[in-house]
Amino acid sequence: MTNYRAHPHQIQPTFLSTTNHLSTIGYHLGYEHQSHFCTAFKRKYGVSPSLFRDQQNKVLASA
C-alpha cells in the first residue's frame, strides 16, 4: 500500500461511480482505515459517505 491519499475533491467522482463498500473505496483511495476515509469525506461534504450516497441515489432516482 502506498502512502498516497486522495484529496477530498477526488473522492466524490469515485464514490458516486461505484456500489463498493466504504472500506473498499477508502482503501483504493489510499486510506488504510475506513474511519479515516469517512472523516475526510465528512470534512469535505458535511455529511457521512453513506448519507451522501443515499441522498445522491434519491436525486438520481427521481430524475
Protein backbone atom coordinates (compact mmCIF):
# COMPACT_ATOMS: atom_id res chain seq x y z
CA MET A 1 0.00 0.00 0.00
CA THR A 2 1.32 3.41 -0.89
CA ASN A 3 1.18 6.42 1.37
CA TYR A 4 -0.89 8.29 -1.20
CA ARG A 5 -4.28 9.52 -0.08
CA ALA A 6 -6.80 11.04 -2.42
CA HIS A 7 -7.64 14.64 -1.78
CA PRO A 8 -11.25 15.08 -0.69
CA HIS A 9 -12.22 16.67 -4.03
CA GLN A 10 -11.17 13.42 -5.74
CA ILE A 11 -13.42 11.30 -3.58
CA GLN A 12 -16.84 12.24 -4.94
CA PRO A 13 -16.49 11.04 -8.56
CA THR A 14 -15.06 7.70 -7.43
CA PHE A 15 -17.60 7.32 -4.68
CA LEU A 16 -20.60 8.01 -6.88
CA SER A 17 -19.50 5.74 -9.71
CA THR A 18 -19.43 2.53 -7.65
CA THR A 19 -21.54 0.45 -5.30
CA ASN A 20 -18.49 -0.88 -3.44
CA HIS A 21 -18.38 -0.86 0.34
CA LEU A 22 -16.92 2.22 2.00
CA SER A 23 -13.91 0.29 3.26
CA THR A 24 -13.09 -0.82 -0.30
CA ILE A 25 -13.46 2.69 -1.68
CA GLY A 26 -11.33 4.15 1.09
CA TYR A 27 -8.62 1.54 0.59
CA HIS A 28 -8.45 2.21 -3.15
CA LEU A 29 -8.20 5.93 -2.47
CA GLY A 30 -5.27 5.37 -0.12
CA TYR A 31 -6.99 5.31 3.27
CA GLU A 32 -5.87 2.35 5.37
CA HIS A 33 -8.87 2.66 7.70
CA GLN A 34 -12.48 3.29 6.78
CA SER A 35 -12.79 5.78 9.62
CA HIS A 36 -10.07 7.98 8.08
CA PHE A 37 -11.85 7.95 4.75
CA CYS A 38 -15.18 8.77 6.39
CA THR A 39 -13.65 11.62 8.37
CA ALA A 40 -12.05 13.17 5.28
CA PHE A 41 -15.29 12.79 3.32
CA LYS A 42 -17.42 14.33 6.06
CA ARG A 43 -14.95 17.20 6.46
CA LYS A 44 -15.29 17.98 2.74
CA TYR A 45 -19.00 17.36 2.15
CA GLY A 46 -20.55 17.90 5.60
CA VAL A 47 -22.28 14.51 5.72
CA SER A 48 -21.18 10.91 6.12
CA PRO A 49 -20.39 8.96 2.95
CA SER A 50 -23.36 6.64 3.43
CA LEU A 51 -25.80 9.54 3.88
CA PHE A 52 -24.28 11.32 0.88
CA ARG A 53 -24.69 8.19 -1.26
CA ASP A 54 -28.30 7.77 -0.11
CA GLN A 55 -29.09 11.41 -0.93
CA GLN A 56 -27.47 11.16 -4.37
CA ASN A 57 -29.29 7.91 -5.17
CA LYS A 58 -32.62 9.57 -4.31
CA VAL A 59 -31.80 12.50 -6.60
CA LEU A 60 -30.80 10.18 -9.45
CA ALA A 61 -33.89 8.01 -8.97
CA SER A 62 -36.21 11.00 -9.18
CA ALA A 63 -34.57 12.34 -12.34
